[in-house]
Amino acid sequence: MNIPNLLTMFRVILIPVCVIVYYLPFQWAYLATAILFTIAAVTDWFDGYLARKLGQMTPFGAFLDPVADKLIVAAALVVLVESHASFFMTIPAVIIIGREIVISALREWMAEAGKRASVAVNMLGKLKTTMQMVSIIVLLAQSPDTVNFVSNFGLIALQVAAALTLWSMIVYLKAAWSDLKPQ
């Protein structure tokens, strides 16, 4: 066990904590959830940085890190969809969660075929992730009943994140297409 892996496990532990805090019957619960989610997002960057910098990359970390990322994003999106009950929240959430399932399956299949490098994380994926994190943080910080510039920005940012999500999925599928198409 090393520091990067402990940070990743901490991120997994934050998932139920974020959900519980979000549903607390206090006005500050939304902001507190956004802060907890922000801490999780920062640990996502920081654990990867430390693993590379300290030479502490492990198979366990390589497995758990992307799982932790997908779980916390999916949990936050499910909470937001449930509390906002809006088409404009639900459709991007379905796109984002669906893409993560498709690309995870694609990466697993390509790894079995010995071609995982063709679906490695790229800059578009990093941009997509950043936009997702920003939109989720902004939306978590606002009461579902709040309609203002900040909440509208969060909703628009989520739409942009969904568009980037689709775009990155197409890029990954295109890169793997020669291995996927029927022979």
N, C-alpha and C. Protein backbone atom coordinates (compact mmCIF):
# COMPACT_ATOMS: atom_id res chain seq x y z
N MET A 1 0.86 -1.18 0.00
CA MET A 1 0.00 0.00 0.00
C MET A 1 0.90 1.24 0.00
N ASN A 2 0.59 2.18 -0.88
CA ASN A 2 1.37 3.40 -0.98
C ASN A 2 0.43 4.60 -0.96
N ILE A 3 1.00 5.81 -0.97
CA ILE A 3 0.19 7.02 -0.87
C ILE A 3 -0.78 7.16 -2.05
N PRO A 4 -0.34 6.96 -3.31
CA PRO A 4 -1.31 7.08 -4.41
C PRO A 4 -2.50 6.12 -4.26
N ASN A 5 -2.24 4.88 -3.84
CA ASN A 5 -3.34 3.92 -3.66
C ASN A 5 -4.25 4.32 -2.49
N LEU A 6 -3.66 4.86 -1.43
CA LEU A 6 -4.46 5.32 -0.31
C LEU A 6 -5.37 6.49 -0.73
N LEU A 7 -4.84 7.39 -1.56
CA LEU A 7 -5.66 8.50 -2.06
C LEU A 7 -6.81 7.98 -2.91
N THR A 8 -6.54 6.98 -3.72
CA THR A 8 -7.60 6.39 -4.56
C THR A 8 -8.66 5.74 -3.68
N MET A 9 -8.24 5.00 -2.66
CA MET A 9 -9.21 4.36 -1.75
C MET A 9 -10.00 5.43 -0.99
N PHE A 10 -9.34 6.52 -0.63
CA PHE A 10 -10.02 7.63 0.03
C PHE A 10 -11.12 8.18 -0.87
N ARG A 11 -10.84 8.28 -2.18
CA ARG A 11 -11.83 8.76 -3.14
C ARG A 11 -13.04 7.82 -3.18
N VAL A 12 -12.80 6.53 -3.10
CA VAL A 12 -13.91 5.56 -3.08
C VAL A 12 -14.74 5.74 -1.81
N ILE A 13 -14.08 5.95 -0.69
CA ILE A 13 -14.79 6.17 0.58
C ILE A 13 -15.62 7.44 0.54
N LEU A 14 -15.16 8.45 -0.21
CA LEU A 14 -15.90 9.71 -0.31
C LEU A 14 -17.23 9.57 -1.05
N ILE A 15 -17.40 8.51 -1.83
CA ILE A 15 -18.63 8.35 -2.62
C ILE A 15 -19.87 8.30 -1.72
N PRO A 16 -19.96 7.35 -0.78
CA PRO A 16 -21.17 7.36 0.07
C PRO A 16 -21.24 8.59 0.96
N VAL A 17 -20.10 9.13 1.35
CA VAL A 17 -20.10 10.34 2.18
C VAL A 17 -20.74 11.49 1.40
N CYS A 18 -20.37 11.65 0.14
CA CYS A 18 -20.97 12.71 -0.70
C CYS A 18 -22.48 12.53 -0.81
N VAL A 19 -22.92 11.31 -1.03
CA VAL A 19 -24.36 11.06 -1.18
C VAL A 19 -25.09 11.38 0.13
N ILE A 20 -24.55 10.93 1.24
CA ILE A 20 -25.19 11.18 2.54
C ILE A 20 -25.24 12.68 2.83
N VAL A 21 -24.13 13.38 2.63
CA VAL A 21 -24.09 14.82 2.92
C VAL A 21 -25.07 15.58 2.03
N TYR A 22 -25.16 15.20 0.76
CA TYR A 22 -26.06 15.89 -0.17
C TYR A 22 -27.51 15.86 0.33
N TYR A 23 -27.91 14.75 0.93
CA TYR A 23 -29.31 14.60 1.38
C TYR A 23 -29.55 15.07 2.81
N LEU A 24 -28.55 15.62 3.47
CA LEU A 24 -28.78 16.16 4.80
C LEU A 24 -29.77 17.33 4.71
N PRO A 25 -30.62 17.48 5.71
CA PRO A 25 -31.67 18.51 5.64
C PRO A 25 -31.18 19.92 6.03
N PHE A 26 -30.04 20.30 5.50
CA PHE A 26 -29.48 21.62 5.79
C PHE A 26 -29.12 22.30 4.48
N GLN A 27 -29.27 23.61 4.44
CA GLN A 27 -28.95 24.35 3.22
C GLN A 27 -27.48 24.23 2.85
N TRP A 28 -26.59 24.12 3.83
CA TRP A 28 -25.16 24.03 3.56
C TRP A 28 -24.74 22.68 2.99
N ALA A 29 -25.64 21.71 2.97
CA ALA A 29 -25.29 20.36 2.50
C ALA A 29 -24.85 20.37 1.04
N TYR A 30 -25.44 21.22 0.22
CA TYR A 30 -25.08 21.27 -1.20
C TYR A 30 -23.64 21.73 -1.38
N LEU A 31 -23.29 22.81 -0.71
CA LEU A 31 -21.92 23.33 -0.81
C LEU A 31 -20.92 22.33 -0.21
N ALA A 32 -21.29 21.71 0.90
CA ALA A 32 -20.40 20.73 1.52
C ALA A 32 -20.16 19.54 0.58
N THR A 33 -21.20 19.10 -0.10
CA THR A 33 -21.06 18.01 -1.06
C THR A 33 -20.15 18.42 -2.20
N ALA A 34 -20.31 19.64 -2.70
CA ALA A 34 -19.45 20.13 -3.78
C ALA A 34 -18.00 20.19 -3.33
N ILE A 35 -17.76 20.58 -2.10
CA ILE A 35 -16.39 20.62 -1.57
C ILE A 35 -15.81 19.21 -1.48
N LEU A 36 -16.60 18.27 -0.97
CA LEU A 36 -16.14 16.88 -0.89
C LEU A 36 -15.85 16.32 -2.28
N PHE A 37 -16.71 16.61 -3.24
CA PHE A 37 -16.50 16.15 -4.61
C PHE A 37 -15.24 16.79 -5.19
N THR A 38 -15.01 18.05 -4.89
CA THR A 38 -13.80 18.74 -5.35
C THR A 38 -12.55 18.07 -4.77
N ILE A 39 -12.61 17.73 -3.50
CA ILE A 39 -11.48 17.01 -2.88
C ILE A 39 -11.24 15.70 -3.61
N ALA A 40 -12.30 14.99 -3.93
CA ALA A 40 -12.16 13.73 -4.67
C ALA A 40 -11.55 13.98 -6.05
N ALA A 41 -11.98 15.03 -6.73
CA ALA A 41 -11.45 15.35 -8.06
C ALA A 41 -9.97 15.69 -7.98
N VAL A 42 -9.58 16.42 -6.95
CA VAL A 42 -8.17 16.79 -6.78
C VAL A 42 -7.34 15.55 -6.46
N THR A 43 -7.87 14.64 -5.64
CA THR A 43 -7.11 13.43 -5.34
C THR A 43 -6.95 12.57 -6.58
N ASP A 44 -7.90 12.65 -7.52
CA ASP A 44 -7.78 11.91 -8.78
C ASP A 44 -6.53 12.37 -9.53
N TRP A 45 -6.35 13.67 -9.63
CA TRP A 45 -5.16 14.20 -10.30
C TRP A 45 -3.91 13.88 -9.48
N PHE A 46 -4.00 14.12 -8.18
CA PHE A 46 -2.83 14.03 -7.31
C PHE A 46 -2.31 12.60 -7.18
N ASP A 47 -3.20 11.60 -7.09
CA ASP A 47 -2.71 10.23 -6.94
C ASP A 47 -1.96 9.76 -8.18
N GLY A 48 -2.46 10.15 -9.36
CA GLY A 48 -1.76 9.79 -10.59
C GLY A 48 -0.41 10.47 -10.69
N TYR A 49 -0.37 11.74 -10.32
CA TYR A 49 0.88 12.50 -10.34
C TYR A 49 1.90 11.85 -9.40
N LEU A 50 1.47 11.56 -8.18
CA LEU A 50 2.39 10.95 -7.20
C LEU A 50 2.86 9.57 -7.65
N ALA A 51 1.96 8.78 -8.19
CA ALA A 51 2.33 7.43 -8.63
C ALA A 51 3.44 7.51 -9.69
N ARG A 52 3.30 8.44 -10.64
CA ARG A 52 4.33 8.58 -11.68
C ARG A 52 5.60 9.19 -11.11
N LYS A 53 5.47 10.24 -10.33
CA LYS A 53 6.63 10.98 -9.78
C LYS A 53 7.45 10.11 -8.83
N LEU A 54 6.78 9.32 -8.00
CA LEU A 54 7.47 8.49 -7.01
C LEU A 54 7.76 7.08 -7.51
N GLY A 55 7.35 6.79 -8.74
CA GLY A 55 7.55 5.44 -9.27
C GLY A 55 6.76 4.40 -8.50
N GLN A 56 5.54 4.77 -8.07
CA GLN A 56 4.72 3.89 -7.25
C GLN A 56 3.48 3.41 -8.00
N MET A 57 3.60 3.22 -9.29
CA MET A 57 2.49 2.70 -10.07
C MET A 57 2.36 1.21 -9.79
N THR A 58 1.14 0.78 -9.47
CA THR A 58 0.91 -0.62 -9.13
C THR A 58 -0.27 -1.15 -9.94
N PRO A 59 -0.34 -2.46 -10.11
CA PRO A 59 -1.52 -3.04 -10.79
C PRO A 59 -2.82 -2.70 -10.06
N PHE A 60 -2.78 -2.70 -8.71
CA PHE A 60 -3.96 -2.36 -7.93
C PHE A 60 -4.41 -0.93 -8.23
N GLY A 61 -3.46 0.00 -8.25
CA GLY A 61 -3.77 1.39 -8.54
C GLY A 61 -4.27 1.57 -9.96
N ALA A 62 -3.65 0.86 -10.91
CA ALA A 62 -4.07 0.95 -12.31
C ALA A 62 -5.50 0.44 -12.47
N PHE A 63 -5.90 -0.52 -11.66
CA PHE A 63 -7.28 -1.04 -11.69
C PHE A 63 -8.24 -0.09 -10.97
N LEU A 64 -7.89 0.29 -9.73
CA LEU A 64 -8.84 1.01 -8.88
C LEU A 64 -9.03 2.47 -9.29
N ASP A 65 -8.00 3.13 -9.78
CA ASP A 65 -8.10 4.56 -10.10
C ASP A 65 -9.22 4.85 -11.10
N PRO A 66 -9.25 4.20 -12.27
CA PRO A 66 -10.35 4.50 -13.20
C PRO A 66 -11.72 4.06 -12.67
N VAL A 67 -11.75 3.01 -11.86
CA VAL A 67 -13.02 2.57 -11.28
C VAL A 67 -13.53 3.64 -10.31
N ALA A 68 -12.64 4.16 -9.47
CA ALA A 68 -13.02 5.20 -8.51
C ALA A 68 -13.55 6.43 -9.24
N ASP A 69 -12.87 6.81 -10.32
CA ASP A 69 -13.31 7.98 -11.10
C ASP A 69 -14.72 7.79 -11.62
N LYS A 70 -14.96 6.65 -12.22
CA LYS A 70 -16.27 6.39 -12.82
C LYS A 70 -17.36 6.28 -11.76
N LEU A 71 -17.04 5.67 -10.63
CA LEU A 71 -18.03 5.52 -9.57
C LEU A 71 -18.46 6.86 -8.97
N ILE A 72 -17.49 7.73 -8.71
CA ILE A 72 -17.86 9.00 -8.07
C ILE A 72 -18.62 9.90 -9.03
N VAL A 73 -18.24 9.89 -10.31
CA VAL A 73 -18.98 10.67 -11.31
C VAL A 73 -20.39 10.11 -11.47
N ALA A 74 -20.51 8.80 -11.58
CA ALA A 74 -21.84 8.18 -11.74
C ALA A 74 -22.72 8.46 -10.52
N ALA A 75 -22.17 8.32 -9.33
CA ALA A 75 -22.95 8.58 -8.11
C ALA A 75 -23.42 10.03 -8.07
N ALA A 76 -22.55 10.96 -8.40
CA ALA A 76 -22.93 12.37 -8.38
C ALA A 76 -24.01 12.65 -9.43
N LEU A 77 -23.85 12.08 -10.61
CA LEU A 77 -24.86 12.30 -11.66
C LEU A 77 -26.21 11.70 -11.28
N VAL A 78 -26.21 10.53 -10.66
CA VAL A 78 -27.47 9.91 -10.23
C VAL A 78 -28.16 10.78 -9.19
N VAL A 79 -27.40 11.30 -8.24
CA VAL A 79 -27.96 12.19 -7.21
C VAL A 79 -28.54 13.44 -7.87
N LEU A 80 -27.80 14.01 -8.81
CA LEU A 80 -28.29 15.23 -9.49
C LEU A 80 -29.54 14.96 -10.31
N VAL A 81 -29.56 13.84 -11.03
CA VAL A 81 -30.75 13.49 -11.82
C VAL A 81 -31.96 13.30 -10.91
N GLU A 82 -31.75 12.61 -9.81
CA GLU A 82 -32.87 12.36 -8.89
C GLU A 82 -33.39 13.66 -8.29
N SER A 83 -32.50 14.54 -7.89
CA SER A 83 -32.95 15.75 -7.21
C SER A 83 -33.46 16.83 -8.16
N HIS A 84 -32.97 16.85 -9.38
CA HIS A 84 -33.41 17.87 -10.34
C HIS A 84 -34.57 17.40 -11.21
N ALA A 85 -34.66 16.10 -11.44
CA ALA A 85 -35.76 15.52 -12.25
C ALA A 85 -36.00 16.33 -13.52
N SER A 86 -34.95 16.49 -14.29
CA SER A 86 -35.02 17.32 -15.49
C SER A 86 -34.45 16.57 -16.69
N PHE A 87 -35.11 16.72 -17.81
CA PHE A 87 -34.62 16.17 -19.07
C PHE A 87 -33.21 16.66 -19.36
N PHE A 88 -32.95 17.95 -19.08
CA PHE A 88 -31.65 18.56 -19.38
C PHE A 88 -30.54 18.08 -18.45
N MET A 89 -30.91 17.43 -17.38
CA MET A 89 -29.94 16.80 -16.49
C MET A 89 -29.82 15.32 -16.81
N THR A 90 -30.94 14.69 -17.13
CA THR A 90 -30.98 13.24 -17.33
C THR A 90 -30.25 12.81 -18.59
N ILE A 91 -30.52 13.45 -19.71
CA ILE A 91 -29.91 13.04 -20.98
C ILE A 91 -28.38 13.11 -20.92
N PRO A 92 -27.77 14.23 -20.46
CA PRO A 92 -26.31 14.23 -20.37
C PRO A 92 -25.78 13.17 -19.40
N ALA A 93 -26.50 12.94 -18.30
CA ALA A 93 -26.06 11.92 -17.35
C ALA A 93 -26.06 10.54 -17.98
N VAL A 94 -27.10 10.22 -18.74
CA VAL A 94 -27.17 8.92 -19.43
C VAL A 94 -26.03 8.81 -20.45
N ILE A 95 -25.78 9.88 -21.18
CA ILE A 95 -24.68 9.87 -22.16
C ILE A 95 -23.35 9.63 -21.46
N ILE A 96 -23.09 10.36 -20.38
CA ILE A 96 -21.81 10.26 -19.69
C ILE A 96 -21.63 8.87 -19.07
N ILE A 97 -22.63 8.39 -18.37
CA ILE A 97 -22.52 7.06 -17.73
C ILE A 97 -22.45 5.97 -18.79
N GLY A 98 -23.27 6.08 -19.83
CA GLY A 98 -23.25 5.08 -20.91
C GLY A 98 -21.91 5.03 -21.61
N ARG A 99 -21.33 6.18 -21.89
CA ARG A 99 -20.02 6.23 -22.54
C ARG A 99 -18.96 5.55 -21.68
N GLU A 100 -19.00 5.79 -20.37
CA GLU A 100 -18.01 5.18 -19.49
C GLU A 100 -18.10 3.66 -19.53
N ILE A 101 -19.31 3.13 -19.60
CA ILE A 101 -19.50 1.68 -19.68
C ILE A 101 -18.95 1.16 -21.01
N VAL A 102 -19.29 1.84 -22.10
CA VAL A 102 -18.84 1.41 -23.43
C VAL A 102 -17.31 1.44 -23.53
N ILE A 103 -16.71 2.53 -23.10
CA ILE A 103 -15.26 2.66 -23.23
C ILE A 103 -14.53 1.72 -22.27
N SER A 104 -15.07 1.49 -21.10
CA SER A 104 -14.45 0.51 -20.18
C SER A 104 -14.46 -0.88 -20.81
N ALA A 105 -15.59 -1.24 -21.40
CA ALA A 105 -15.67 -2.55 -22.07
C ALA A 105 -14.73 -2.61 -23.26
N LEU A 106 -14.65 -1.52 -24.02
CA LEU A 106 -13.74 -1.47 -25.16
C LEU A 106 -12.29 -1.62 -24.72
N ARG A 107 -11.91 -0.91 -23.66
CA ARG A 107 -10.52 -1.01 -23.17
C ARG A 107 -10.21 -2.43 -22.69
N GLU A 108 -11.16 -3.05 -22.01
CA GLU A 108 -10.95 -4.42 -21.54
C GLU A 108 -10.79 -5.36 -22.73
N TRP A 109 -11.65 -5.22 -23.71
CA TRP A 109 -11.59 -6.09 -24.89
C TRP A 109 -10.29 -5.87 -25.65
N MET A 110 -9.89 -4.60 -25.82
CA MET A 110 -8.65 -4.29 -26.54
C MET A 110 -7.43 -4.80 -25.76
N ALA A 111 -7.49 -4.74 -24.45
CA ALA A 111 -6.38 -5.25 -23.64
C ALA A 111 -6.23 -6.76 -23.84
N GLU A 112 -7.36 -7.46 -23.88
CA GLU A 112 -7.32 -8.90 -24.13
C GLU A 112 -6.75 -9.21 -25.51
N ALA A 113 -6.99 -8.30 -26.46
CA ALA A 113 -6.47 -8.47 -27.82
C ALA A 113 -5.04 -7.97 -27.93
N GLY A 114 -4.48 -7.45 -26.83
CA GLY A 114 -3.11 -6.95 -26.83
C GLY A 114 -2.96 -5.60 -27.51
N LYS A 115 -4.04 -4.84 -27.59
CA LYS A 115 -4.00 -3.56 -28.30
C LYS A 115 -4.56 -2.43 -27.46
N ARG A 116 -4.34 -2.48 -26.17
CA ARG A 116 -4.87 -1.46 -25.26
C ARG A 116 -4.36 -0.06 -25.60
N ALA A 117 -3.15 0.05 -26.14
CA ALA A 117 -2.57 1.36 -26.44
C ALA A 117 -3.42 2.14 -27.44
N SER A 118 -4.16 1.46 -28.29
CA SER A 118 -4.97 2.17 -29.28
C SER A 118 -6.17 2.87 -28.66
N VAL A 119 -6.50 2.54 -27.40
CA VAL A 119 -7.59 3.22 -26.70
C VAL A 119 -7.09 3.84 -25.39
N ALA A 120 -5.84 4.28 -25.39
CA ALA A 120 -5.28 4.93 -24.22
C ALA A 120 -5.91 6.31 -24.05
N VAL A 121 -5.87 6.81 -22.83
CA VAL A 121 -6.43 8.13 -22.52
C VAL A 121 -5.71 9.18 -23.36
N ASN A 122 -6.48 10.10 -23.95
CA ASN A 122 -5.89 11.17 -24.75
C ASN A 122 -6.31 12.52 -24.20
N MET A 123 -5.86 13.59 -24.85
CA MET A 123 -6.13 14.94 -24.37
C MET A 123 -7.63 15.27 -24.40
N LEU A 124 -8.35 14.76 -25.39
CA LEU A 124 -9.79 14.99 -25.46
C LEU A 124 -10.48 14.37 -24.24
N GLY A 125 -10.03 13.19 -23.84
CA GLY A 125 -10.57 12.54 -22.65
C GLY A 125 -10.32 13.36 -21.40
N LYS A 126 -9.15 13.96 -21.32
CA LYS A 126 -8.82 14.80 -20.16
C LYS A 126 -9.69 16.08 -20.14
N LEU A 127 -9.92 16.65 -21.31
CA LEU A 127 -10.78 17.83 -21.41
C LEU A 127 -12.22 17.47 -21.01
N LYS A 128 -12.69 16.32 -21.48
CA LYS A 128 -14.03 15.84 -21.14
C LYS A 128 -14.15 15.67 -19.62
N THR A 129 -13.16 15.06 -19.03
CA THR A 129 -13.18 14.83 -17.58
C THR A 129 -13.19 16.16 -16.82
N THR A 130 -12.38 17.10 -17.26
CA THR A 130 -12.34 18.41 -16.60
C THR A 130 -13.70 19.09 -16.67
N MET A 131 -14.32 19.07 -17.84
CA MET A 131 -15.63 19.71 -18.00
C MET A 131 -16.68 18.99 -17.15
N GLN A 132 -16.61 17.67 -17.09
CA GLN A 132 -17.55 16.92 -16.23
C GLN A 132 -17.39 17.34 -14.78
N MET A 133 -16.15 17.38 -14.32
CA MET A 133 -15.89 17.71 -12.91
C MET A 133 -16.37 19.12 -12.59
N VAL A 134 -16.07 20.08 -13.45
CA VAL A 134 -16.49 21.46 -13.21
C VAL A 134 -18.02 21.53 -13.16
N SER A 135 -18.69 20.93 -14.13
CA SER A 135 -20.15 21.00 -14.17
C SER A 135 -20.77 20.33 -12.94
N ILE A 136 -20.25 19.18 -12.56
CA ILE A 136 -20.80 18.47 -11.40
C ILE A 136 -20.58 19.26 -10.12
N ILE A 137 -19.40 19.83 -9.95
CA ILE A 137 -19.12 20.63 -8.75
C ILE A 137 -20.09 21.81 -8.66
N VAL A 138 -20.26 22.51 -9.78
CA VAL A 138 -21.16 23.67 -9.80
C VAL A 138 -22.59 23.24 -9.49
N LEU A 139 -23.04 22.15 -10.09
CA LEU A 139 -24.42 21.69 -9.88
C LEU A 139 -24.64 21.16 -8.47
N LEU A 140 -23.66 20.45 -7.91
CA LEU A 140 -23.79 19.95 -6.54
C LEU A 140 -23.89 21.10 -5.54
N ALA A 141 -23.21 22.20 -5.82
CA ALA A 141 -23.16 23.33 -4.88
C ALA A 141 -24.47 24.10 -4.81
N GLN A 142 -25.35 23.88 -5.79
CA GLN A 142 -26.61 24.63 -5.87
C GLN A 142 -27.78 23.76 -5.42
N SER A 143 -28.70 24.35 -4.70
CA SER A 143 -29.95 23.66 -4.39
C SER A 143 -30.67 23.37 -5.70
N PRO A 144 -31.33 22.21 -5.80
CA PRO A 144 -32.07 21.90 -7.03
C PRO A 144 -33.14 22.95 -7.38
N ASP A 145 -33.59 23.70 -6.39
CA ASP A 145 -34.61 24.73 -6.61
C ASP A 145 -34.02 26.05 -7.08
N THR A 146 -32.70 26.18 -7.04
CA THR A 146 -32.05 27.43 -7.41
C THR A 146 -31.93 27.56 -8.92
N VAL A 147 -32.37 28.69 -9.42
CA VAL A 147 -32.18 29.01 -10.83
C VAL A 147 -31.51 30.39 -10.87
N ASN A 148 -30.23 30.39 -11.22
CA ASN A 148 -29.46 31.63 -11.32
C ASN A 148 -28.35 31.43 -12.34
N PHE A 149 -27.50 32.41 -12.48
CA PHE A 149 -26.41 32.33 -13.45
C PHE A 149 -25.53 31.12 -13.19
N VAL A 150 -25.21 30.86 -11.94
CA VAL A 150 -24.30 29.76 -11.59
C VAL A 150 -24.94 28.41 -11.93
N SER A 151 -26.19 28.21 -11.54
CA SER A 151 -26.84 26.93 -11.84
C SER A 151 -27.01 26.74 -13.35
N ASN A 152 -27.33 27.83 -14.07
CA ASN A 152 -27.43 27.73 -15.53
C ASN A 152 -26.08 27.42 -16.16
N PHE A 153 -25.01 28.03 -15.63
CA PHE A 153 -23.67 27.71 -16.11
C PHE A 153 -23.37 26.23 -15.91
N GLY A 154 -23.70 25.70 -14.73
CA GLY A 154 -23.47 24.28 -14.45
C GLY A 154 -24.22 23.38 -15.41
N LEU A 155 -25.45 23.73 -15.70
CA LEU A 155 -26.26 22.93 -16.62
C LEU A 155 -25.71 23.00 -18.05
N ILE A 156 -25.30 24.19 -18.48
CA ILE A 156 -24.70 24.32 -19.81
C ILE A 156 -23.37 23.57 -19.86
N ALA A 157 -22.58 23.67 -18.80
CA ALA A 157 -21.30 22.95 -18.75
C ALA A 157 -21.53 21.44 -18.82
N LEU A 158 -22.61 20.96 -18.21
CA LEU A 158 -22.93 19.53 -18.28
C LEU A 158 -23.29 19.13 -19.71
N GLN A 159 -24.00 20.00 -20.42
CA GLN A 159 -24.34 19.72 -21.83
C GLN A 159 -23.06 19.66 -22.68
N VAL A 160 -22.14 20.58 -22.42
CA VAL A 160 -20.85 20.59 -23.14
C VAL A 160 -20.07 19.32 -22.79
N ALA A 161 -20.08 18.94 -21.52
CA ALA A 161 -19.39 17.71 -21.10
C ALA A 161 -19.97 16.50 -21.82
N ALA A 162 -21.29 16.46 -21.97
CA ALA A 162 -21.93 15.35 -22.68
C ALA A 162 -21.52 15.33 -24.15
N ALA A 163 -21.43 16.50 -24.77
CA ALA A 163 -20.99 16.57 -26.17
C ALA A 163 -19.54 16.10 -26.30
N LEU A 164 -18.68 16.54 -25.39
CA LEU A 164 -17.28 16.09 -25.39
C LEU A 164 -17.19 14.59 -25.14
N THR A 165 -18.09 14.10 -24.31
CA THR A 165 -18.15 12.68 -24.00
C THR A 165 -18.46 11.87 -25.26
N LEU A 166 -19.45 12.31 -26.01
CA LEU A 166 -19.79 11.62 -27.27
C LEU A 166 -18.63 11.70 -28.26
N TRP A 167 -18.05 12.87 -28.37
CA TRP A 167 -16.93 13.07 -29.28
C TRP A 167 -15.76 12.15 -28.93
N SER A 168 -15.41 12.09 -27.64
CA SER A 168 -14.29 11.24 -27.24
C SER A 168 -14.61 9.77 -27.45
N MET A 169 -15.88 9.38 -27.26
CA MET A 169 -16.26 7.99 -27.51
C MET A 169 -16.09 7.66 -28.99
N ILE A 170 -16.48 8.57 -29.85
CA ILE A 170 -16.31 8.35 -31.30
C ILE A 170 -14.84 8.21 -31.64
N VAL A 171 -14.00 9.05 -31.06
CA VAL A 171 -12.55 8.98 -31.30
C VAL A 171 -12.01 7.62 -30.87
N TYR A 172 -12.39 7.15 -29.69
CA TYR A 172 -11.93 5.85 -29.21
C TYR A 172 -12.43 4.71 -30.10
N LEU A 173 -13.71 4.76 -30.45
CA LEU A 173 -14.26 3.70 -31.30
C LEU A 173 -13.62 3.70 -32.69
N LYS A 174 -13.36 4.88 -33.20
CA LYS A 174 -12.70 4.98 -34.51
C LYS A 174 -11.29 4.39 -34.44
N ALA A 175 -10.57 4.67 -33.35
CA ALA A 175 -9.22 4.13 -33.19
C ALA A 175 -9.22 2.62 -33.11
N ALA A 176 -10.28 2.05 -32.56
CA ALA A 176 -10.35 0.60 -32.39
C ALA A 176 -11.14 -0.09 -33.50
N TRP A 177 -11.71 0.70 -34.43
CA TRP A 177 -12.64 0.13 -35.41
C TRP A 177 -12.06 -1.02 -36.21
N SER A 178 -10.81 -0.91 -36.63
CA SER A 178 -10.22 -1.98 -37.45
C SER A 178 -10.18 -3.31 -36.70
N ASP A 179 -10.13 -3.24 -35.38
CA ASP A 179 -10.14 -4.46 -34.57
C ASP A 179 -11.56 -4.90 -34.23
N LEU A 180 -12.53 -4.00 -34.36
CA LEU A 180 -13.91 -4.32 -34.00
C LEU A 180 -14.75 -4.81 -35.18
N LYS A 181 -14.45 -4.29 -36.37
CA LYS A 181 -15.32 -4.60 -37.51
C LYS A 181 -15.22 -6.07 -37.88
N PRO A 182 -16.31 -6.63 -38.38
CA PRO A 182 -16.30 -8.04 -38.77
C PRO A 182 -15.29 -8.26 -39.91
N GLN A 183 -14.63 -9.38 -39.86
CA GLN A 183 -13.61 -9.69 -40.87
C GLN A 183 -14.21 -10.36 -42.07
